[in-house]
Amino acid sequence: RLSDTLRAEAHYLRAAGDNEYDGSVFSS
């Protein structure tokens, strides 16, 4: 809060990984 009338905010979210499932050579 820079003053009684002004504020600033920043945010970041990240998710990374790998997933296994059933599929074919024509898909994945």
mmCIF file of all heavy atoms, coordinates in Angstrom:
data_MODEL
# 
_entry.id   MODEL 
# 
loop_
_atom_site.group_PDB 
_atom_site.id 
_atom_site.type_symbol 
_atom_site.label_atom_id 
_atom_site.label_alt_id 
_atom_site.label_comp_id 
_atom_site.label_asym_id 
_atom_site.label_entity_id 
_atom_site.label_seq_id 
_atom_site.pdbx_PDB_ins_code 
_atom_site.Cartn_x 
_atom_site.Cartn_y 
_atom_site.Cartn_z 
_atom_site.occupancy 
_atom_site.B_iso_or_equiv 
_atom_site.pdbx_formal_charge 
_atom_site.auth_seq_id 
_atom_site.auth_comp_id 
_atom_site.auth_asym_id 
_atom_site.auth_atom_id 
_atom_site.pdbx_PDB_model_num 
ATOM 1   N N   . ARG A 1 1  ? 0.862  -1.178  0.000   1.00 0.00 ? 1  ARG A N   1 
ATOM 2   C CA  . ARG A 1 1  ? 0.000  0.000   0.000   1.00 0.00 ? 1  ARG A CA  1 
ATOM 3   C C   . ARG A 1 1  ? 0.900  1.230   0.000   1.00 0.00 ? 1  ARG A C   1 
ATOM 4   O O   . ARG A 1 1  ? 1.503  1.591   1.016   1.00 0.00 ? 1  ARG A O   1 
ATOM 5   C CB  . ARG A 1 1  ? -0.918 -0.021  1.216   1.00 0.00 ? 1  ARG A CB  1 
ATOM 6   C CG  . ARG A 1 1  ? -2.030 1.005   1.145   1.00 0.00 ? 1  ARG A CG  1 
ATOM 7   C CD  . ARG A 1 1  ? -3.037 0.808   2.254   1.00 0.00 ? 1  ARG A CD  1 
ATOM 8   N NE  . ARG A 1 1  ? -3.769 -0.443  2.139   1.00 0.00 ? 1  ARG A NE  1 
ATOM 9   C CZ  . ARG A 1 1  ? -4.810 -0.614  1.333   1.00 0.00 ? 1  ARG A CZ  1 
ATOM 10  N NH1 . ARG A 1 1  ? -5.232 0.394   0.572   1.00 0.00 ? 1  ARG A NH1 1 
ATOM 11  N NH2 . ARG A 1 1  ? -5.429 -1.769  1.276   1.00 0.00 ? 1  ARG A NH2 1 
ATOM 12  N N   . LEU A 1 2  ? 1.010  1.859   -1.174  1.00 0.00 ? 2  LEU A N   1 
ATOM 13  C CA  . LEU A 1 2  ? 1.928  2.985   -1.335  1.00 0.00 ? 2  LEU A CA  1 
ATOM 14  C C   . LEU A 1 2  ? 1.457  4.213   -0.572  1.00 0.00 ? 2  LEU A C   1 
ATOM 15  O O   . LEU A 1 2  ? 2.269  5.039   -0.151  1.00 0.00 ? 2  LEU A O   1 
ATOM 16  C CB  . LEU A 1 2  ? 2.070  3.316   -2.822  1.00 0.00 ? 2  LEU A CB  1 
ATOM 17  C CG  . LEU A 1 2  ? 2.587  2.153   -3.688  1.00 0.00 ? 2  LEU A CG  1 
ATOM 18  C CD1 . LEU A 1 2  ? 2.374  2.445   -5.158  1.00 0.00 ? 2  LEU A CD1 1 
ATOM 19  C CD2 . LEU A 1 2  ? 4.047  1.891   -3.397  1.00 0.00 ? 2  LEU A CD2 1 
ATOM 20  N N   . SER A 1 3  ? 0.152  4.361   -0.422  1.00 0.00 ? 3  SER A N   1 
ATOM 21  C CA  . SER A 1 3  ? -0.431 5.455   0.351   1.00 0.00 ? 3  SER A CA  1 
ATOM 22  C C   . SER A 1 3  ? -1.818 5.015   0.780   1.00 0.00 ? 3  SER A C   1 
ATOM 23  O O   . SER A 1 3  ? -2.232 3.886   0.501   1.00 0.00 ? 3  SER A O   1 
ATOM 24  C CB  . SER A 1 3  ? -0.512 6.728   -0.493  1.00 0.00 ? 3  SER A CB  1 
ATOM 25  O OG  . SER A 1 3  ? -1.483 6.598   -1.521  1.00 0.00 ? 3  SER A OG  1 
ATOM 26  N N   . ASP A 1 4  ? -2.540 5.891   1.434   1.00 0.00 ? 4  ASP A N   1 
ATOM 27  C CA  . ASP A 1 4  ? -3.884 5.539   1.864   1.00 0.00 ? 4  ASP A CA  1 
ATOM 28  C C   . ASP A 1 4  ? -4.835 5.353   0.692   1.00 0.00 ? 4  ASP A C   1 
ATOM 29  O O   . ASP A 1 4  ? -5.916 4.773   0.849   1.00 0.00 ? 4  ASP A O   1 
ATOM 30  C CB  . ASP A 1 4  ? -4.434 6.625   2.797   1.00 0.00 ? 4  ASP A CB  1 
ATOM 31  C CG  . ASP A 1 4  ? -3.692 6.656   4.130   1.00 0.00 ? 4  ASP A CG  1 
ATOM 32  O OD1 . ASP A 1 4  ? -3.041 5.649   4.463   1.00 0.00 ? 4  ASP A OD1 1 
ATOM 33  O OD2 . ASP A 1 4  ? -3.758 7.688   4.822   1.00 0.00 ? 4  ASP A OD2 1 
ATOM 34  N N   . THR A 1 5  ? -4.453 5.822   -0.487  1.00 0.00 ? 5  THR A N   1 
ATOM 35  C CA  . THR A 1 5  ? -5.339 5.742   -1.655  1.00 0.00 ? 5  THR A CA  1 
ATOM 36  C C   . THR A 1 5  ? -4.760 4.930   -2.811  1.00 0.00 ? 5  THR A C   1 
ATOM 37  O O   . THR A 1 5  ? -5.398 4.820   -3.851  1.00 0.00 ? 5  THR A O   1 
ATOM 38  C CB  . THR A 1 5  ? -5.660 7.152   -2.176  1.00 0.00 ? 5  THR A CB  1 
ATOM 39  O OG1 . THR A 1 5  ? -4.445 7.803   -2.561  1.00 0.00 ? 5  THR A OG1 1 
ATOM 40  C CG2 . THR A 1 5  ? -6.366 7.977   -1.104  1.00 0.00 ? 5  THR A CG2 1 
ATOM 41  N N   . LEU A 1 6  ? -3.580 4.354   -2.639  1.00 0.00 ? 6  LEU A N   1 
ATOM 42  C CA  . LEU A 1 6  ? -2.926 3.665   -3.758  1.00 0.00 ? 6  LEU A CA  1 
ATOM 43  C C   . LEU A 1 6  ? -2.237 2.399   -3.270  1.00 0.00 ? 6  LEU A C   1 
ATOM 44  O O   . LEU A 1 6  ? -1.475 2.429   -2.303  1.00 0.00 ? 6  LEU A O   1 
ATOM 45  C CB  . LEU A 1 6  ? -1.902 4.593   -4.412  1.00 0.00 ? 6  LEU A CB  1 
ATOM 46  C CG  . LEU A 1 6  ? -1.200 4.065   -5.674  1.00 0.00 ? 6  LEU A CG  1 
ATOM 47  C CD1 . LEU A 1 6  ? -2.193 3.891   -6.810  1.00 0.00 ? 6  LEU A CD1 1 
ATOM 48  C CD2 . LEU A 1 6  ? -0.076 5.034   -6.082  1.00 0.00 ? 6  LEU A CD2 1 
ATOM 49  N N   . ARG A 1 7  ? -2.522 1.283   -3.958  1.00 0.00 ? 7  ARG A N   1 
ATOM 50  C CA  . ARG A 1 7  ? -1.832 0.037   -3.644  1.00 0.00 ? 7  ARG A CA  1 
ATOM 51  C C   . ARG A 1 7  ? -1.520 -0.715  -4.930  1.00 0.00 ? 7  ARG A C   1 
ATOM 52  O O   . ARG A 1 7  ? -2.165 -0.516  -5.968  1.00 0.00 ? 7  ARG A O   1 
ATOM 53  C CB  . ARG A 1 7  ? -2.673 -0.852  -2.717  1.00 0.00 ? 7  ARG A CB  1 
ATOM 54  C CG  . ARG A 1 7  ? -3.888 -1.446  -3.367  1.00 0.00 ? 7  ARG A CG  1 
ATOM 55  C CD  . ARG A 1 7  ? -4.699 -2.270  -2.369  1.00 0.00 ? 7  ARG A CD  1 
ATOM 56  N NE  . ARG A 1 7  ? -5.876 -2.854  -3.006  1.00 0.00 ? 7  ARG A NE  1 
ATOM 57  C CZ  . ARG A 1 7  ? -5.928 -4.068  -3.529  1.00 0.00 ? 7  ARG A CZ  1 
ATOM 58  N NH1 . ARG A 1 7  ? -4.848 -4.842  -3.491  1.00 0.00 ? 7  ARG A NH1 1 
ATOM 59  N NH2 . ARG A 1 7  ? -7.025 -4.529  -4.099  1.00 0.00 ? 7  ARG A NH2 1 
ATOM 60  N N   . ALA A 1 8  ? -0.519 -1.582  -4.859  1.00 0.00 ? 8  ALA A N   1 
ATOM 61  C CA  . ALA A 1 8  ? -0.099 -2.379  -6.010  1.00 0.00 ? 8  ALA A CA  1 
ATOM 62  C C   . ALA A 1 8  ? 0.127  -3.816  -5.560  1.00 0.00 ? 8  ALA A C   1 
ATOM 63  O O   . ALA A 1 8  ? 0.489  -4.072  -4.404  1.00 0.00 ? 8  ALA A O   1 
ATOM 64  C CB  . ALA A 1 8  ? 1.171  -1.807  -6.631  1.00 0.00 ? 8  ALA A CB  1 
ATOM 65  N N   . GLU A 1 9  ? -0.082 -4.744  -6.487  1.00 0.00 ? 9  GLU A N   1 
ATOM 66  C CA  . GLU A 1 9  ? 0.075  -6.154  -6.158  1.00 0.00 ? 9  GLU A CA  1 
ATOM 67  C C   . GLU A 1 9  ? 0.517  -6.920  -7.399  1.00 0.00 ? 9  GLU A C   1 
ATOM 68  O O   . GLU A 1 9  ? 0.158  -6.554  -8.525  1.00 0.00 ? 9  GLU A O   1 
ATOM 69  C CB  . GLU A 1 9  ? -1.242 -6.722  -5.629  1.00 0.00 ? 9  GLU A CB  1 
ATOM 70  C CG  . GLU A 1 9  ? -1.144 -8.167  -5.159  1.00 0.00 ? 9  GLU A CG  1 
ATOM 71  C CD  . GLU A 1 9  ? -2.424 -8.643  -4.501  1.00 0.00 ? 9  GLU A CD  1 
ATOM 72  O OE1 . GLU A 1 9  ? -2.576 -8.420  -3.282  1.00 0.00 ? 9  GLU A OE1 1 
ATOM 73  O OE2 . GLU A 1 9  ? -3.267 -9.231  -5.205  1.00 0.00 ? 9  GLU A OE2 1 
ATOM 74  N N   . ALA A 1 10 ? 1.300  -7.983  -7.192  1.00 0.00 ? 10 ALA A N   1 
ATOM 75  C CA  . ALA A 1 10 ? 1.722  -8.864  -8.281  1.00 0.00 ? 10 ALA A CA  1 
ATOM 76  C C   . ALA A 1 10 ? 1.614  -10.309 -7.805  1.00 0.00 ? 10 ALA A C   1 
ATOM 77  O O   . ALA A 1 10 ? 1.728  -10.592 -6.602  1.00 0.00 ? 10 ALA A O   1 
ATOM 78  C CB  . ALA A 1 10 ? 3.146  -8.554  -8.709  1.00 0.00 ? 10 ALA A CB  1 
ATOM 79  N N   . HIS A 1 11 ? 1.394  -11.235 -8.748  1.00 0.00 ? 11 HIS A N   1 
ATOM 80  C CA  . HIS A 1 11 ? 1.230  -12.633 -8.374  1.00 0.00 ? 11 HIS A CA  1 
ATOM 81  C C   . HIS A 1 11 ? 1.746  -13.536 -9.484  1.00 0.00 ? 11 HIS A C   1 
ATOM 82  O O   . HIS A 1 11 ? 1.787  -13.158 -10.670 1.00 0.00 ? 11 HIS A O   1 
ATOM 83  C CB  . HIS A 1 11 ? -0.239 -12.947 -8.079  1.00 0.00 ? 11 HIS A CB  1 
ATOM 84  C CG  . HIS A 1 11 ? -1.167 -12.606 -9.215  1.00 0.00 ? 11 HIS A CG  1 
ATOM 85  N ND1 . HIS A 1 11 ? -1.436 -13.475 -10.258 1.00 0.00 ? 11 HIS A ND1 1 
ATOM 86  C CD2 . HIS A 1 11 ? -1.883 -11.486 -9.471  1.00 0.00 ? 11 HIS A CD2 1 
ATOM 87  C CE1 . HIS A 1 11 ? -2.277 -12.903 -11.100 1.00 0.00 ? 11 HIS A CE1 1 
ATOM 88  N NE2 . HIS A 1 11 ? -2.570 -11.691 -10.657 1.00 0.00 ? 11 HIS A NE2 1 
ATOM 89  N N   . TYR A 1 12 ? 2.140  -14.763 -9.092  1.00 0.00 ? 12 TYR A N   1 
ATOM 90  C CA  . TYR A 1 12 ? 2.645  -15.742 -10.049 1.00 0.00 ? 12 TYR A CA  1 
ATOM 91  C C   . TYR A 1 12 ? 2.290  -17.133 -9.549  1.00 0.00 ? 12 TYR A C   1 
ATOM 92  O O   . TYR A 1 12 ? 2.418  -17.441 -8.364  1.00 0.00 ? 12 TYR A O   1 
ATOM 93  C CB  . TYR A 1 12 ? 4.163  -15.624 -10.191 1.00 0.00 ? 12 TYR A CB  1 
ATOM 94  C CG  . TYR A 1 12 ? 4.779  -16.647 -11.127 1.00 0.00 ? 12 TYR A CG  1 
ATOM 95  C CD1 . TYR A 1 12 ? 4.538  -16.602 -12.495 1.00 0.00 ? 12 TYR A CD1 1 
ATOM 96  C CD2 . TYR A 1 12 ? 5.600  -17.659 -10.641 1.00 0.00 ? 12 TYR A CD2 1 
ATOM 97  C CE1 . TYR A 1 12 ? 5.094  -17.537 -13.360 1.00 0.00 ? 12 TYR A CE1 1 
ATOM 98  C CE2 . TYR A 1 12 ? 6.172  -18.599 -11.490 1.00 0.00 ? 12 TYR A CE2 1 
ATOM 99  C CZ  . TYR A 1 12 ? 5.918  -18.530 -12.853 1.00 0.00 ? 12 TYR A CZ  1 
ATOM 100 O OH  . TYR A 1 12 ? 6.463  -19.456 -13.714 1.00 0.00 ? 12 TYR A OH  1 
ATOM 101 N N   . LEU A 1 13 ? 1.843  -17.990 -10.451 1.00 0.00 ? 13 LEU A N   1 
ATOM 102 C CA  . LEU A 1 13 ? 1.546  -19.388 -10.144 1.00 0.00 ? 13 LEU A CA  1 
ATOM 103 C C   . LEU A 1 13 ? 2.058  -20.248 -11.284 1.00 0.00 ? 13 LEU A C   1 
ATOM 104 O O   . LEU A 1 13 ? 1.839  -19.932 -12.454 1.00 0.00 ? 13 LEU A O   1 
ATOM 105 C CB  . LEU A 1 13 ? 0.038  -19.597 -9.963  1.00 0.00 ? 13 LEU A CB  1 
ATOM 106 C CG  . LEU A 1 13 ? -0.417 -21.048 -9.746  1.00 0.00 ? 13 LEU A CG  1 
ATOM 107 C CD1 . LEU A 1 13 ? 0.071  -21.567 -8.401  1.00 0.00 ? 13 LEU A CD1 1 
ATOM 108 C CD2 . LEU A 1 13 ? -1.941 -21.156 -9.833  1.00 0.00 ? 13 LEU A CD2 1 
ATOM 109 N N   . ARG A 1 14 ? 2.720  -21.339 -10.925 1.00 0.00 ? 14 ARG A N   1 
ATOM 110 C CA  . ARG A 1 14 ? 3.258  -22.245 -11.947 1.00 0.00 ? 14 ARG A CA  1 
ATOM 111 C C   . ARG A 1 14 ? 3.060  -23.687 -11.488 1.00 0.00 ? 14 ARG A C   1 
ATOM 112 O O   . ARG A 1 14 ? 3.260  -24.025 -10.312 1.00 0.00 ? 14 ARG A O   1 
ATOM 113 C CB  . ARG A 1 14 ? 4.748  -21.977 -12.170 1.00 0.00 ? 14 ARG A CB  1 
ATOM 114 C CG  . ARG A 1 14 ? 5.427  -22.952 -13.138 1.00 0.00 ? 14 ARG A CG  1 
ATOM 115 C CD  . ARG A 1 14 ? 6.923  -22.686 -13.207 1.00 0.00 ? 14 ARG A CD  1 
ATOM 116 N NE  . ARG A 1 14 ? 7.651  -23.698 -13.972 1.00 0.00 ? 14 ARG A NE  1 
ATOM 117 C CZ  . ARG A 1 14 ? 7.869  -23.653 -15.276 1.00 0.00 ? 14 ARG A CZ  1 
ATOM 118 N NH1 . ARG A 1 14 ? 7.417  -22.628 -15.977 1.00 0.00 ? 14 ARG A NH1 1 
ATOM 119 N NH2 . ARG A 1 14 ? 8.540  -24.606 -15.880 1.00 0.00 ? 14 ARG A NH2 1 
ATOM 120 N N   . ALA A 1 15 ? 2.666  -24.534 -12.421 1.00 0.00 ? 15 ALA A N   1 
ATOM 121 C CA  . ALA A 1 15 ? 2.589  -25.974 -12.185 1.00 0.00 ? 15 ALA A CA  1 
ATOM 122 C C   . ALA A 1 15 ? 3.207  -26.668 -13.385 1.00 0.00 ? 15 ALA A C   1 
ATOM 123 O O   . ALA A 1 15 ? 2.869  -26.354 -14.531 1.00 0.00 ? 15 ALA A O   1 
ATOM 124 C CB  . ALA A 1 15 ? 1.145  -26.415 -11.993 1.00 0.00 ? 15 ALA A CB  1 
ATOM 125 N N   . ALA A 1 16 ? 4.123  -27.582 -13.144 1.00 0.00 ? 16 ALA A N   1 
ATOM 126 C CA  . ALA A 1 16 ? 4.783  -28.299 -14.232 1.00 0.00 ? 16 ALA A CA  1 
ATOM 127 C C   . ALA A 1 16 ? 4.993  -29.747 -13.811 1.00 0.00 ? 16 ALA A C   1 
ATOM 128 O O   . ALA A 1 16 ? 5.223  -30.043 -12.634 1.00 0.00 ? 16 ALA A O   1 
ATOM 129 C CB  . ALA A 1 16 ? 6.124  -27.652 -14.575 1.00 0.00 ? 16 ALA A CB  1 
ATOM 130 N N   . GLY A 1 17 ? 4.909  -30.661 -14.777 1.00 0.00 ? 17 GLY A N   1 
ATOM 131 C CA  . GLY A 1 17 ? 5.096  -32.059 -14.445 1.00 0.00 ? 17 GLY A CA  1 
ATOM 132 C C   . GLY A 1 17 ? 4.863  -32.954 -15.633 1.00 0.00 ? 17 GLY A C   1 
ATOM 133 O O   . GLY A 1 17 ? 4.949  -32.519 -16.791 1.00 0.00 ? 17 GLY A O   1 
ATOM 134 N N   . ASP A 1 18 ? 4.574  -34.206 -15.361 1.00 0.00 ? 18 ASP A N   1 
ATOM 135 C CA  . ASP A 1 18 ? 4.302  -35.159 -16.442 1.00 0.00 ? 18 ASP A CA  1 
ATOM 136 C C   . ASP A 1 18 ? 3.158  -36.071 -16.046 1.00 0.00 ? 18 ASP A C   1 
ATOM 137 O O   . ASP A 1 18 ? 2.908  -36.321 -14.856 1.00 0.00 ? 18 ASP A O   1 
ATOM 138 C CB  . ASP A 1 18 ? 5.555  -35.962 -16.791 1.00 0.00 ? 18 ASP A CB  1 
ATOM 139 C CG  . ASP A 1 18 ? 6.113  -36.732 -15.611 1.00 0.00 ? 18 ASP A CG  1 
ATOM 140 O OD1 . ASP A 1 18 ? 6.939  -36.164 -14.865 1.00 0.00 ? 18 ASP A OD1 1 
ATOM 141 O OD2 . ASP A 1 18 ? 5.705  -37.885 -15.426 1.00 0.00 ? 18 ASP A OD2 1 
ATOM 142 N N   . ASN A 1 19 ? 2.474  -36.566 -17.051 1.00 0.00 ? 19 ASN A N   1 
ATOM 143 C CA  . ASN A 1 19 ? 1.257  -37.341 -16.857 1.00 0.00 ? 19 ASN A CA  1 
ATOM 144 C C   . ASN A 1 19 ? 1.295  -38.558 -17.766 1.00 0.00 ? 19 ASN A C   1 
ATOM 145 O O   . ASN A 1 19 ? 1.651  -38.451 -18.939 1.00 0.00 ? 19 ASN A O   1 
ATOM 146 C CB  . ASN A 1 19 ? 0.038  -36.462 -17.190 1.00 0.00 ? 19 ASN A CB  1 
ATOM 147 C CG  . ASN A 1 19 ? -1.266 -37.130 -16.843 1.00 0.00 ? 19 ASN A CG  1 
ATOM 148 O OD1 . ASN A 1 19 ? -1.318 -38.024 -16.010 1.00 0.00 ? 19 ASN A OD1 1 
ATOM 149 N ND2 . ASN A 1 19 ? -2.334 -36.698 -17.497 1.00 0.00 ? 19 ASN A ND2 1 
ATOM 150 N N   . GLU A 1 20 ? 0.937  -39.703 -17.232 1.00 0.00 ? 20 GLU A N   1 
ATOM 151 C CA  . GLU A 1 20 ? 0.870  -40.934 -18.014 1.00 0.00 ? 20 GLU A CA  1 
ATOM 152 C C   . GLU A 1 20 ? -0.589 -41.358 -18.166 1.00 0.00 ? 20 GLU A C   1 
ATOM 153 O O   . GLU A 1 20 ? -1.385 -41.214 -17.239 1.00 0.00 ? 20 GLU A O   1 
ATOM 154 C CB  . GLU A 1 20 ? 1.656  -42.053 -17.315 1.00 0.00 ? 20 GLU A CB  1 
ATOM 155 C CG  . GLU A 1 20 ? 3.130  -41.735 -17.149 1.00 0.00 ? 20 GLU A CG  1 
ATOM 156 C CD  . GLU A 1 20 ? 3.835  -42.737 -16.240 1.00 0.00 ? 20 GLU A CD  1 
ATOM 157 O OE1 . GLU A 1 20 ? 3.142  -43.626 -15.692 1.00 0.00 ? 20 GLU A OE1 1 
ATOM 158 O OE2 . GLU A 1 20 ? 5.054  -42.628 -16.058 1.00 0.00 ? 20 GLU A OE2 1 
ATOM 159 N N   . TYR A 1 21 ? -0.936 -41.871 -19.327 1.00 0.00 ? 21 TYR A N   1 
ATOM 160 C CA  . TYR A 1 21 ? -2.297 -42.327 -19.590 1.00 0.00 ? 21 TYR A CA  1 
ATOM 161 C C   . TYR A 1 21 ? -2.239 -43.381 -20.675 1.00 0.00 ? 21 TYR A C   1 
ATOM 162 O O   . TYR A 1 21 ? -1.151 -43.748 -21.137 1.00 0.00 ? 21 TYR A O   1 
ATOM 163 C CB  . TYR A 1 21 ? -3.198 -41.150 -19.993 1.00 0.00 ? 21 TYR A CB  1 
ATOM 164 C CG  . TYR A 1 21 ? -2.564 -40.178 -20.972 1.00 0.00 ? 21 TYR A CG  1 
ATOM 165 C CD1 . TYR A 1 21 ? -2.692 -40.346 -22.341 1.00 0.00 ? 21 TYR A CD1 1 
ATOM 166 C CD2 . TYR A 1 21 ? -1.819 -39.090 -20.503 1.00 0.00 ? 21 TYR A CD2 1 
ATOM 167 C CE1 . TYR A 1 21 ? -2.110 -39.465 -23.234 1.00 0.00 ? 21 TYR A CE1 1 
ATOM 168 C CE2 . TYR A 1 21 ? -1.228 -38.201 -21.389 1.00 0.00 ? 21 TYR A CE2 1 
ATOM 169 C CZ  . TYR A 1 21 ? -1.373 -38.388 -22.753 1.00 0.00 ? 21 TYR A CZ  1 
ATOM 170 O OH  . TYR A 1 21 ? -0.782 -37.517 -23.637 1.00 0.00 ? 21 TYR A OH  1 
ATOM 171 N N   . ASP A 1 22 ? -3.369 -43.895 -21.080 1.00 0.00 ? 22 ASP A N   1 
ATOM 172 C CA  . ASP A 1 22 ? -3.419 -44.940 -22.104 1.00 0.00 ? 22 ASP A CA  1 
ATOM 173 C C   . ASP A 1 22 ? -3.705 -44.314 -23.461 1.00 0.00 ? 22 ASP A C   1 
ATOM 174 O O   . ASP A 1 22 ? -4.621 -43.503 -23.603 1.00 0.00 ? 22 ASP A O   1 
ATOM 175 C CB  . ASP A 1 22 ? -4.498 -45.970 -21.767 1.00 0.00 ? 22 ASP A CB  1 
ATOM 176 C CG  . ASP A 1 22 ? -4.177 -46.727 -20.488 1.00 0.00 ? 22 ASP A CG  1 
ATOM 177 O OD1 . ASP A 1 22 ? -2.980 -46.840 -20.170 1.00 0.00 ? 22 ASP A OD1 1 
ATOM 178 O OD2 . ASP A 1 22 ? -5.113 -47.195 -19.811 1.00 0.00 ? 22 ASP A OD2 1 
ATOM 179 N N   . GLY A 1 23 ? -2.926 -44.655 -24.454 1.00 0.00 ? 23 GLY A N   1 
ATOM 180 C CA  . GLY A 1 23 ? -3.102 -44.104 -25.792 1.00 0.00 ? 23 GLY A CA  1 
ATOM 181 C C   . GLY A 1 23 ? -2.365 -44.933 -26.816 1.00 0.00 ? 23 GLY A C   1 
ATOM 182 O O   . GLY A 1 23 ? -1.693 -45.912 -26.489 1.00 0.00 ? 23 GLY A O   1 
ATOM 183 N N   . SER A 1 24 ? -2.469 -44.518 -28.069 1.00 0.00 ? 24 SER A N   1 
ATOM 184 C CA  . SER A 1 24 ? -1.901 -45.295 -29.163 1.00 0.00 ? 24 SER A CA  1 
ATOM 185 C C   . SER A 1 24 ? -0.806 -44.513 -29.869 1.00 0.00 ? 24 SER A C   1 
ATOM 186 O O   . SER A 1 24 ? -0.596 -43.331 -29.611 1.00 0.00 ? 24 SER A O   1 
ATOM 187 C CB  . SER A 1 24 ? -2.994 -45.665 -30.172 1.00 0.00 ? 24 SER A CB  1 
ATOM 188 O OG  . SER A 1 24 ? -3.390 -44.514 -30.902 1.00 0.00 ? 24 SER A OG  1 
ATOM 189 N N   . VAL A 1 25 ? -0.149 -45.182 -30.816 1.00 0.00 ? 25 VAL A N   1 
ATOM 190 C CA  . VAL A 1 25 ? 0.901  -44.545 -31.604 1.00 0.00 ? 25 VAL A CA  1 
ATOM 191 C C   . VAL A 1 25 ? 0.343  -43.402 -32.442 1.00 0.00 ? 25 VAL A C   1 
ATOM 192 O O   . VAL A 1 25 ? 1.071  -42.494 -32.850 1.00 0.00 ? 25 VAL A O   1 
ATOM 193 C CB  . VAL A 1 25 ? 1.595  -45.604 -32.501 1.00 0.00 ? 25 VAL A CB  1 
ATOM 194 C CG1 . VAL A 1 25 ? 0.628  -46.110 -33.569 1.00 0.00 ? 25 VAL A CG1 1 
ATOM 195 C CG2 . VAL A 1 25 ? 2.855  -45.037 -33.148 1.00 0.00 ? 25 VAL A CG2 1 
ATOM 196 N N   . PHE A 1 26 ? -0.951 -43.416 -32.696 1.00 0.00 ? 26 PHE A N   1 
ATOM 197 C CA  . PHE A 1 26 ? -1.568 -42.338 -33.469 1.00 0.00 ? 26 PHE A CA  1 
ATOM 198 C C   . PHE A 1 26 ? -1.915 -41.128 -32.595 1.00 0.00 ? 26 PHE A C   1 
ATOM 199 O O   . PHE A 1 26 ? -2.286 -40.081 -33.097 1.00 0.00 ? 26 PHE A O   1 
ATOM 200 C CB  . PHE A 1 26 ? -2.838 -42.852 -34.162 1.00 0.00 ? 26 PHE A CB  1 
ATOM 201 C CG  . PHE A 1 26 ? -2.581 -44.008 -35.084 1.00 0.00 ? 26 PHE A CG  1 
ATOM 202 C CD1 . PHE A 1 26 ? -2.948 -45.287 -34.720 1.00 0.00 ? 26 PHE A CD1 1 
ATOM 203 C CD2 . PHE A 1 26 ? -1.944 -43.821 -36.314 1.00 0.00 ? 26 PHE A CD2 1 
ATOM 204 C CE1 . PHE A 1 26 ? -2.705 -46.367 -35.561 1.00 0.00 ? 26 PHE A CE1 1 
ATOM 205 C CE2 . PHE A 1 26 ? -1.702 -44.883 -37.156 1.00 0.00 ? 26 PHE A CE2 1 
ATOM 206 C CZ  . PHE A 1 26 ? -2.080 -46.161 -36.787 1.00 0.00 ? 26 PHE A CZ  1 
ATOM 207 N N   . SER A 1 27 ? -1.798 -41.306 -31.284 1.00 0.00 ? 27 SER A N   1 
ATOM 208 C CA  . SER A 1 27 ? -2.041 -40.176 -30.390 1.00 0.00 ? 27 SER A CA  1 
ATOM 209 C C   . SER A 1 27 ? -0.846 -40.040 -29.455 1.00 0.00 ? 27 SER A C   1 
ATOM 210 O O   . SER A 1 27 ? 0.225  -39.627 -29.874 1.00 0.00 ? 27 SER A O   1 
ATOM 211 C CB  . SER A 1 27 ? -3.352 -40.384 -29.618 1.00 0.00 ? 27 SER A CB  1 
ATOM 212 O OG  . SER A 1 27 ? -3.341 -41.629 -28.927 1.00 0.00 ? 27 SER A OG  1 
ATOM 213 N N   . SER A 1 28 ? -0.991 -40.390 -28.188 1.00 0.00 ? 28 SER A N   1 
ATOM 214 C CA  . SER A 1 28 ? 0.116  -40.339 -27.231 1.00 0.00 ? 28 SER A CA  1 
ATOM 215 C C   . SER A 1 28 ? -0.320 -41.060 -25.972 1.00 0.00 ? 28 SER A C   1 
ATOM 216 O O   . SER A 1 28 ? -1.505 -41.328 -25.765 1.00 0.00 ? 28 SER A O   1 
ATOM 217 C CB  . SER A 1 28 ? 0.488  -38.882 -26.909 1.00 0.00 ? 28 SER A CB  1 
ATOM 218 O OG  . SER A 1 28 ? -0.636 -38.182 -26.406 1.00 0.00 ? 28 SER A OG  1 
# 
